[in-house]
Amino acid sequence: CRIMVRDADGSVWVSHPYRGLYRVVWSENDPYKPAVSFFNAQNGLPSDLNNYVFKIAGKMVVGTEKGVYRFQPDANRFVPDED
């Protein structure tokens, strides 16, 4: 991967323009086996391609072909960012 961002909760977001967006979360119980989640259009992103993760003003956001999206942890999906 070429683009990684650490989120406020300690997870790391990894983006690849053709392979998607991944969230890596480490557990204190087993730091050598992180949980990896994959996100795409089924999780609220407008497309499976060309999603880039950035950290702007201390907040993780995803730049897409249709605007900027943020992660909504309660729903475990992405929504358009109003900012």
PDB file of N, CA and C in Angstrom:
ATOM      1  N   CYS A   1       0.846  -1.175   0.000  1.00  0.00           N
ATOM      2  CA  CYS A   1       0.000   0.000   0.000  1.00  0.00           C
ATOM      3  C   CYS A   1       0.893   1.240   0.000  1.00  0.00           C
ATOM      4  N   ARG A   2       0.296   2.305  -0.375  1.00  0.00           N
ATOM      5  CA  ARG A   2       1.043   3.541  -0.482  1.00  0.00           C
ATOM      6  C   ARG A   2       0.461   4.625   0.406  1.00  0.00           C
ATOM      7  N   ILE A   3      -0.819   4.490   0.768  1.00  0.00           N
ATOM      8  CA  ILE A   3      -1.474   5.532   1.545  1.00  0.00           C
ATOM      9  C   ILE A   3      -2.070   4.920   2.808  1.00  0.00           C
ATOM     10  N   MET A   4      -1.626   5.413   3.981  1.00  0.00           N
ATOM     11  CA  MET A   4      -2.127   4.944   5.267  1.00  0.00           C
ATOM     12  C   MET A   4      -2.391   6.149   6.162  1.00  0.00           C
ATOM     13  N   VAL A   5      -3.441   6.036   6.987  1.00  0.00           N
ATOM     14  CA  VAL A   5      -3.787   7.090   7.936  1.00  0.00           C
ATOM     15  C   VAL A   5      -4.176   6.431   9.246  1.00  0.00           C
ATOM     16  N   ARG A   6      -3.665   6.973  10.347  1.00  0.00           N
ATOM     17  CA  ARG A   6      -4.063   6.486  11.672  1.00  0.00           C
ATOM     18  C   ARG A   6      -5.247   7.309  12.150  1.00  0.00           C
ATOM     19  N   ASP A   7      -6.303   6.626  12.552  1.00  0.00           N
ATOM     20  CA  ASP A   7      -7.523   7.270  13.018  1.00  0.00           C
ATOM     21  C   ASP A   7      -7.406   7.606  14.505  1.00  0.00           C
ATOM     22  N   ALA A   8      -8.325   8.414  15.006  1.00  0.00           N
ATOM     23  CA  ALA A   8      -8.313   8.838  16.407  1.00  0.00           C
ATOM     24  C   ALA A   8      -8.455   7.655  17.364  1.00  0.00           C
ATOM     25  N   ASP A   9      -9.109   6.579  16.934  1.00  0.00           N
ATOM     26  CA  ASP A   9      -9.291   5.414  17.804  1.00  0.00           C
ATOM     27  C   ASP A   9      -8.114   4.439  17.754  1.00  0.00           C
ATOM     28  N   GLY A  10      -7.075   4.768  16.992  1.00  0.00           N
ATOM     29  CA  GLY A  10      -5.885   3.924  16.907  1.00  0.00           C
ATOM     30  C   GLY A  10      -5.882   2.965  15.729  1.00  0.00           C
ATOM     31  N   SER A  11      -6.994   2.843  15.035  1.00  0.00           N
ATOM     32  CA  SER A  11      -7.012   1.971  13.863  1.00  0.00           C
ATOM     33  C   SER A  11      -6.274   2.651  12.716  1.00  0.00           C
ATOM     34  N   VAL A  12      -5.846   1.847  11.772  1.00  0.00           N
ATOM     35  CA  VAL A  12      -5.133   2.352  10.603  1.00  0.00           C
ATOM     36  C   VAL A  12      -5.967   2.058   9.368  1.00  0.00           C
ATOM     37  N   TRP A  13      -6.191   3.082   8.562  1.00  0.00           N
ATOM     38  CA  TRP A  13      -6.924   2.951   7.301  1.00  0.00           C
ATOM     39  C   TRP A  13      -5.914   2.909   6.164  1.00  0.00           C
ATOM     40  N   VAL A  14      -6.092   1.957   5.269  1.00  0.00           N
ATOM     41  CA  VAL A  14      -5.186   1.757   4.143  1.00  0.00           C
ATOM     42  C   VAL A  14      -6.011   1.811   2.865  1.00  0.00           C
ATOM     43  N   SER A  15      -5.571   2.627   1.917  1.00  0.00           N
ATOM     44  CA  SER A  15      -6.314   2.699   0.660  1.00  0.00           C
ATOM     45  C   SER A  15      -5.417   2.360  -0.515  1.00  0.00           C
ATOM     46  N   HIS A  16      -6.038   1.732  -1.489  1.00  0.00           N
ATOM     47  CA  HIS A  16      -5.391   1.407  -2.752  1.00  0.00           C
ATOM     48  C   HIS A  16      -6.420   1.709  -3.839  1.00  0.00           C
ATOM     49  N   PRO A  17      -6.055   2.458  -4.867  1.00  0.00           N
ATOM     50  CA  PRO A  17      -7.056   2.896  -5.846  1.00  0.00           C
ATOM     51  C   PRO A  17      -7.783   1.774  -6.576  1.00  0.00           C
ATOM     52  N   TYR A  18      -7.185   0.584  -6.669  1.00  0.00           N
ATOM     53  CA  TYR A  18      -7.818  -0.512  -7.406  1.00  0.00           C
ATOM     54  C   TYR A  18      -8.216  -1.684  -6.526  1.00  0.00           C
ATOM     55  N   ARG A  19      -7.707  -1.732  -5.298  1.00  0.00           N
ATOM     56  CA  ARG A  19      -7.983  -2.873  -4.429  1.00  0.00           C
ATOM     57  C   ARG A  19      -8.905  -2.542  -3.277  1.00  0.00           C
ATOM     58  N   GLY A  20      -9.199  -1.280  -3.059  1.00  0.00           N
ATOM     59  CA  GLY A  20     -10.177  -0.922  -2.046  1.00  0.00           C
ATOM     60  C   GLY A  20      -9.613  -0.243  -0.823  1.00  0.00           C
ATOM     61  N   LEU A  21     -10.446  -0.203   0.206  1.00  0.00           N
ATOM     62  CA  LEU A  21     -10.152   0.488   1.453  1.00  0.00           C
ATOM     63  C   LEU A  21     -10.212  -0.525   2.589  1.00  0.00           C
ATOM     64  N   TYR A  22      -9.202  -0.519   3.443  1.00  0.00           N
ATOM     65  CA  TYR A  22      -9.100  -1.482   4.526  1.00  0.00           C
ATOM     66  C   TYR A  22      -8.923  -0.758   5.849  1.00  0.00           C
ATOM     67  N   ARG A  23      -9.508  -1.343   6.890  1.00  0.00           N
ATOM     68  CA  ARG A  23      -9.326  -0.832   8.253  1.00  0.00           C
ATOM     69  C   ARG A  23      -8.636  -1.923   9.055  1.00  0.00           C
ATOM     70  N   VAL A  24      -7.536  -1.550   9.712  1.00  0.00           N
ATOM     71  CA  VAL A  24      -6.770  -2.492  10.517  1.00  0.00           C
ATOM     72  C   VAL A  24      -6.881  -2.056  11.982  1.00  0.00           C
ATOM     73  N   VAL A  25      -7.374  -2.975  12.831  1.00  0.00           N
ATOM     74  CA  VAL A  25      -7.550  -2.687  14.249  1.00  0.00           C
ATOM     75  C   VAL A  25      -6.768  -3.721  15.049  1.00  0.00           C
ATOM     76  N   TRP A  26      -5.901  -3.230  15.929  1.00  0.00           N
ATOM     77  CA  TRP A  26      -5.114  -4.113  16.774  1.00  0.00           C
ATOM     78  C   TRP A  26      -5.811  -4.313  18.110  1.00  0.00           C
ATOM     79  N   SER A  27      -5.731  -5.519  18.612  1.00  0.00           N
ATOM     80  CA  SER A  27      -6.310  -5.861  19.906  1.00  0.00           C
ATOM     81  C   SER A  27      -5.207  -5.905  20.954  1.00  0.00           C
ATOM     82  N   GLU A  28      -5.515  -5.434  22.145  1.00  0.00           N
ATOM     83  CA  GLU A  28      -4.534  -5.521  23.228  1.00  0.00           C
ATOM     84  C   GLU A  28      -4.296  -6.969  23.630  1.00  0.00           C
ATOM     85  N   ASN A  29      -5.298  -7.826  23.431  1.00  0.00           N
ATOM     86  CA  ASN A  29      -5.171  -9.239  23.795  1.00  0.00           C
ATOM     87  C   ASN A  29      -4.208  -9.983  22.889  1.00  0.00           C
ATOM     88  N   ASP A  30      -4.202  -9.634  21.597  1.00  0.00           N
ATOM     89  CA  ASP A  30      -3.321 -10.304  20.645  1.00  0.00           C
ATOM     90  C   ASP A  30      -2.850  -9.296  19.594  1.00  0.00           C
ATOM     91  N   PRO A  31      -1.816  -8.512  19.919  1.00  0.00           N
ATOM     92  CA  PRO A  31      -1.369  -7.459  18.996  1.00  0.00           C
ATOM     93  C   PRO A  31      -0.754  -7.980  17.701  1.00  0.00           C
ATOM     94  N   TYR A  32      -0.485  -9.287  17.615  1.00  0.00           N
ATOM     95  CA  TYR A  32       0.124  -9.841  16.406  1.00  0.00           C
ATOM     96  C   TYR A  32      -0.907 -10.347  15.400  1.00  0.00           C
ATOM     97  N   LYS A  33      -2.196 -10.279  15.766  1.00  0.00           N
ATOM     98  CA  LYS A  33      -3.262 -10.707  14.860  1.00  0.00           C
ATOM     99  C   LYS A  33      -4.314  -9.608  14.779  1.00  0.00           C
ATOM    100  N   PRO A  34      -4.053  -8.573  13.985  1.00  0.00           N
ATOM    101  CA  PRO A  34      -5.041  -7.490  13.879  1.00  0.00           C
ATOM    102  C   PRO A  34      -6.279  -7.924  13.095  1.00  0.00           C
ATOM    103  N   ALA A  35      -7.380  -7.267  13.388  1.00  0.00           N
ATOM    104  CA  ALA A  35      -8.614  -7.488  12.625  1.00  0.00           C
ATOM    105  C   ALA A  35      -8.574  -6.568  11.413  1.00  0.00           C
ATOM    106  N   VAL A  36      -8.790  -7.126  10.232  1.00  0.00           N
ATOM    107  CA  VAL A  36      -8.767  -6.360   8.988  1.00  0.00           C
ATOM    108  C   VAL A  36     -10.158  -6.398   8.377  1.00  0.00           C
ATOM    109  N   SER A  37     -10.710  -5.216   8.118  1.00  0.00           N
ATOM    110  CA  SER A  37     -12.034  -5.102   7.501  1.00  0.00           C
ATOM    111  C   SER A  37     -11.894  -4.425   6.146  1.00  0.00           C
ATOM    112  N   PHE A  38     -12.674  -4.889   5.187  1.00  0.00           N
ATOM    113  CA  PHE A  38     -12.664  -4.337   3.836  1.00  0.00           C
ATOM    114  C   PHE A  38     -13.923  -3.506   3.626  1.00  0.00           C
ATOM    115  N   PHE A  39     -13.771  -2.344   2.972  1.00  0.00           N
ATOM    116  CA  PHE A  39     -14.897  -1.455   2.704  1.00  0.00           C
ATOM    117  C   PHE A  39     -14.940  -1.107   1.220  1.00  0.00           C
ATOM    118  N   ASN A  40     -16.172  -1.093   0.683  1.00  0.00           N
ATOM    119  CA  ASN A  40     -16.368  -0.757  -0.726  1.00  0.00           C
ATOM    120  C   ASN A  40     -17.753  -0.133  -0.889  1.00  0.00           C
ATOM    121  N   ALA A  41     -18.325  -0.214  -2.070  1.00  0.00           N
ATOM    122  CA  ALA A  41     -19.626   0.406  -2.340  1.00  0.00           C
ATOM    123  C   ALA A  41     -20.738  -0.197  -1.476  1.00  0.00           C
ATOM    124  N   GLN A  42     -20.600  -1.422  -1.054  1.00  0.00           N
ATOM    125  CA  GLN A  42     -21.612  -2.037  -0.183  1.00  0.00           C
ATOM    126  C   GLN A  42     -21.626  -1.403   1.204  1.00  0.00           C
ATOM    127  N   ASN A  43     -20.567  -0.668   1.536  1.00  0.00           N
ATOM    128  CA  ASN A  43     -20.453  -0.023   2.840  1.00  0.00           C
ATOM    129  C   ASN A  43     -20.607   1.492   2.749  1.00  0.00           C
ATOM    130  N   GLY A  44     -21.272   1.977   1.703  1.00  0.00           N
ATOM    131  CA  GLY A  44     -21.581   3.387   1.603  1.00  0.00           C
ATOM    132  C   GLY A  44     -20.696   4.213   0.689  1.00  0.00           C
ATOM    133  N   LEU A  45     -19.587   3.673   0.232  1.00  0.00           N
ATOM    134  CA  LEU A  45     -18.734   4.416  -0.697  1.00  0.00           C
ATOM    135  C   LEU A  45     -19.403   4.440  -2.071  1.00  0.00           C
ATOM    136  N   PRO A  46     -19.225   5.504  -2.847  1.00  0.00           N
ATOM    137  CA  PRO A  46     -19.912   5.586  -4.136  1.00  0.00           C
ATOM    138  C   PRO A  46     -19.380   4.628  -5.202  1.00  0.00           C
ATOM    139  N   SER A  47     -18.173   4.107  -5.005  1.00  0.00           N
ATOM    140  CA  SER A  47     -17.559   3.229  -5.993  1.00  0.00           C
ATOM    141  C   SER A  47     -16.561   2.316  -5.298  1.00  0.00           C
ATOM    142  N   ASP A  48     -16.212   1.226  -5.956  1.00  0.00           N
ATOM    143  CA  ASP A  48     -15.177   0.342  -5.422  1.00  0.00           C
ATOM    144  C   ASP A  48     -13.776   0.823  -5.780  1.00  0.00           C
ATOM    145  N   LEU A  49     -13.679   1.755  -6.712  1.00  0.00           N
ATOM    146  CA  LEU A  49     -12.379   2.213  -7.213  1.00  0.00           C
ATOM    147  C   LEU A  49     -12.108   3.666  -6.843  1.00  0.00           C
ATOM    148  N   ASN A  50     -10.836   4.014  -6.842  1.00  0.00           N
ATOM    149  CA  ASN A  50     -10.367   5.395  -6.661  1.00  0.00           C
ATOM    150  C   ASN A  50     -10.823   6.042  -5.359  1.00  0.00           C
ATOM    151  N   ASN A  51     -10.709   5.313  -4.270  1.00  0.00           N
ATOM    152  CA  ASN A  51     -10.980   5.844  -2.939  1.00  0.00           C
ATOM    153  C   ASN A  51      -9.645   6.055  -2.235  1.00  0.00           C
ATOM    154  N   TYR A  52      -9.398   7.285  -1.814  1.00  0.00           N
ATOM    155  CA  TYR A  52      -8.128   7.640  -1.185  1.00  0.00           C
ATOM    156  C   TYR A  52      -8.377   8.162   0.218  1.00  0.00           C
ATOM    157  N   VAL A  53      -7.633   7.648   1.181  1.00  0.00           N
ATOM    158  CA  VAL A  53      -7.789   8.051   2.569  1.00  0.00           C
ATOM    159  C   VAL A  53      -6.827   9.205   2.887  1.00  0.00           C
ATOM    160  N   PHE A  54      -7.337  10.186   3.660  1.00  0.00           N
ATOM    161  CA  PHE A  54      -6.551  11.345   4.069  1.00  0.00           C
ATOM    162  C   PHE A  54      -6.866  11.677   5.521  1.00  0.00           C
ATOM    163  N   LYS A  55      -5.973  12.409   6.142  1.00  0.00           N
ATOM    164  CA  LYS A  55      -6.238  12.946   7.474  1.00  0.00           C
ATOM    165  C   LYS A  55      -6.244  14.461   7.333  1.00  0.00           C
ATOM    166  N   ILE A  56      -7.409  15.064   7.567  1.00  0.00           N
ATOM    167  CA  ILE A  56      -7.570  16.505   7.426  1.00  0.00           C
ATOM    168  C   ILE A  56      -8.113  17.047   8.738  1.00  0.00           C
ATOM    169  N   ALA A  57      -7.407  18.016   9.305  1.00  0.00           N
ATOM    170  CA  ALA A  57      -7.794  18.621  10.588  1.00  0.00           C
ATOM    171  C   ALA A  57      -7.984  17.551  11.665  1.00  0.00           C
ATOM    172  N   GLY A  58      -7.122  16.538  11.660  1.00  0.00           N
ATOM    173  CA  GLY A  58      -7.171  15.483  12.654  1.00  0.00           C
ATOM    174  C   GLY A  58      -8.256  14.447  12.441  1.00  0.00           C
ATOM    175  N   LYS A  59      -8.944  14.506  11.304  1.00  0.00           N
ATOM    176  CA  LYS A  59     -10.050  13.600  11.036  1.00  0.00           C
ATOM    177  C   LYS A  59      -9.758  12.774   9.792  1.00  0.00           C
ATOM    178  N   MET A  60     -10.031  11.473   9.859  1.00  0.00           N
ATOM    179  CA  MET A  60      -9.846  10.601   8.713  1.00  0.00           C
ATOM    180  C   MET A  60     -11.033  10.784   7.770  1.00  0.00           C
ATOM    181  N   VAL A  61     -10.741  11.048   6.503  1.00  0.00           N
ATOM    182  CA  VAL A  61     -11.768  11.168   5.477  1.00  0.00           C
ATOM    183  C   VAL A  61     -11.313  10.407   4.239  1.00  0.00           C
ATOM    184  N   VAL A  62     -12.277  10.085   3.382  1.00  0.00           N
ATOM    185  CA  VAL A  62     -11.974   9.366   2.147  1.00  0.00           C
ATOM    186  C   VAL A  62     -12.387  10.242   0.972  1.00  0.00           C
ATOM    187  N   GLY A  63     -11.433  10.537   0.107  1.00  0.00           N
ATOM    188  CA  GLY A  63     -11.721  11.259  -1.119  1.00  0.00           C
ATOM    189  C   GLY A  63     -12.149  10.272  -2.181  1.00  0.00           C
ATOM    190  N   THR A  64     -13.301  10.513  -2.787  1.00  0.00           N
ATOM    191  CA  THR A  64     -13.834   9.611  -3.807  1.00  0.00           C
ATOM    192  C   THR A  64     -14.087  10.401  -5.087  1.00  0.00           C
ATOM    193  N   GLU A  65     -14.524   9.721  -6.106  1.00  0.00           N
ATOM    194  CA  GLU A  65     -14.862  10.389  -7.362  1.00  0.00           C
ATOM    195  C   GLU A  65     -16.110  11.254  -7.229  1.00  0.00           C
ATOM    196  N   LYS A  66     -16.880  11.062  -6.157  1.00  0.00           N
ATOM    197  CA  LYS A  66     -18.127  11.810  -5.965  1.00  0.00           C
ATOM    198  C   LYS A  66     -18.123  12.635  -4.688  1.00  0.00           C
ATOM    199  N   GLY A  67     -16.953  12.986  -4.188  1.00  0.00           N
ATOM    200  CA  GLY A  67     -16.881  13.836  -3.005  1.00  0.00           C
ATOM    201  C   GLY A  67     -16.157  13.179  -1.846  1.00  0.00           C
ATOM    202  N   VAL A  68     -16.249  13.841  -0.704  1.00  0.00           N
ATOM    203  CA  VAL A  68     -15.544  13.398   0.501  1.00  0.00           C
ATOM    204  C   VAL A  68     -16.518  12.651   1.412  1.00  0.00           C
ATOM    205  N   TYR A  69     -16.065  11.522   1.939  1.00  0.00           N
ATOM    206  CA  TYR A  69     -16.874  10.681   2.811  1.00  0.00           C
ATOM    207  C   TYR A  69     -16.161  10.493   4.142  1.00  0.00           C
ATOM    208  N   ARG A  70     -16.955  10.264   5.186  1.00  0.00           N
ATOM    209  CA  ARG A  70     -16.403   9.980   6.508  1.00  0.00           C
ATOM    210  C   ARG A  70     -16.981   8.663   6.998  1.00  0.00           C
ATOM    211  N   PHE A  71     -16.275   8.031   7.914  1.00  0.00           N
ATOM    212  CA  PHE A  71     -16.714   6.755   8.465  1.00  0.00           C
ATOM    213  C   PHE A  71     -17.642   7.007   9.638  1.00  0.00           C
ATOM    214  N   GLN A  72     -18.755   6.323   9.654  1.00  0.00           N
ATOM    215  CA  GLN A  72     -19.711   6.396  10.743  1.00  0.00           C
ATOM    216  C   GLN A  72     -19.607   5.083  11.520  1.00  0.00           C
ATOM    217  N   PRO A  73     -18.889   5.089  12.645  1.00  0.00           N
ATOM    218  CA  PRO A  73     -18.619   3.825  13.343  1.00  0.00           C
ATOM    219  C   PRO A  73     -19.865   3.106  13.858  1.00  0.00           C
ATOM    220  N   ASP A  74     -20.888   3.851  14.276  1.00  0.00           N
ATOM    221  CA  ASP A  74     -22.096   3.202  14.795  1.00  0.00           C
ATOM    222  C   ASP A  74     -22.772   2.330  13.746  1.00  0.00           C
ATOM    223  N   ALA A  75     -22.749   2.769  12.498  1.00  0.00           N
ATOM    224  CA  ALA A  75     -23.376   2.022  11.402  1.00  0.00           C
ATOM    225  C   ALA A  75     -22.371   1.160  10.647  1.00  0.00           C
ATOM    226  N   ASN A  76     -21.085   1.330  10.940  1.00  0.00           N
ATOM    227  CA  ASN A  76     -19.997   0.615  10.262  1.00  0.00           C
ATOM    228  C   ASN A  76     -20.051   0.823   8.746  1.00  0.00           C
ATOM    229  N   ARG A  77     -20.274   2.088   8.355  1.00  0.00           N
ATOM    230  CA  ARG A  77     -20.348   2.419   6.935  1.00  0.00           C
ATOM    231  C   ARG A  77     -19.932   3.867   6.709  1.00  0.00           C
ATOM    232  N   PHE A  78     -19.761   4.217   5.446  1.00  0.00           N
ATOM    233  CA  PHE A  78     -19.353   5.572   5.073  1.00  0.00           C
ATOM    234  C   PHE A  78     -20.563   6.391   4.673  1.00  0.00           C
ATOM    235  N   VAL A  79     -20.496   7.685   4.995  1.00  0.00           N
ATOM    236  CA  VAL A  79     -21.549   8.649   4.633  1.00  0.00           C
ATOM    237  C   VAL A  79     -20.863   9.886   4.067  1.00  0.00           C
ATOM    238  N   PRO A  80     -21.572  10.652   3.228  1.00  0.00           N
ATOM    239  CA  PRO A  80     -20.972  11.899   2.726  1.00  0.00           C
ATOM    240  C   PRO A  80     -20.632  12.826   3.891  1.00  0.00           C
ATOM    241  N   ASP A  81     -19.497  13.464   3.810  1.00  0.00           N
ATOM    242  CA  ASP A  81     -19.056  14.390   4.862  1.00  0.00           C
ATOM    243  C   ASP A  81     -19.634  15.772   4.625  1.00  0.00           C
ATOM    244  N   GLU A  82     -20.311  16.322   5.607  1.00  0.00           N
ATOM    245  CA  GLU A  82     -20.931  17.625   5.468  1.00  0.00           C
ATOM    246  C   GLU A  82     -19.911  18.772   5.509  1.00  0.00           C
ATOM    247  N   ASP A  83     -18.766  18.543   6.133  1.00  0.00           N
ATOM    248  CA  ASP A  83     -17.745  19.598   6.234  1.00  0.00           C
ATOM    249  C   ASP A  83     -17.143  19.872   4.882  1.00  0.00           C
TER     250      ASP A  83
END
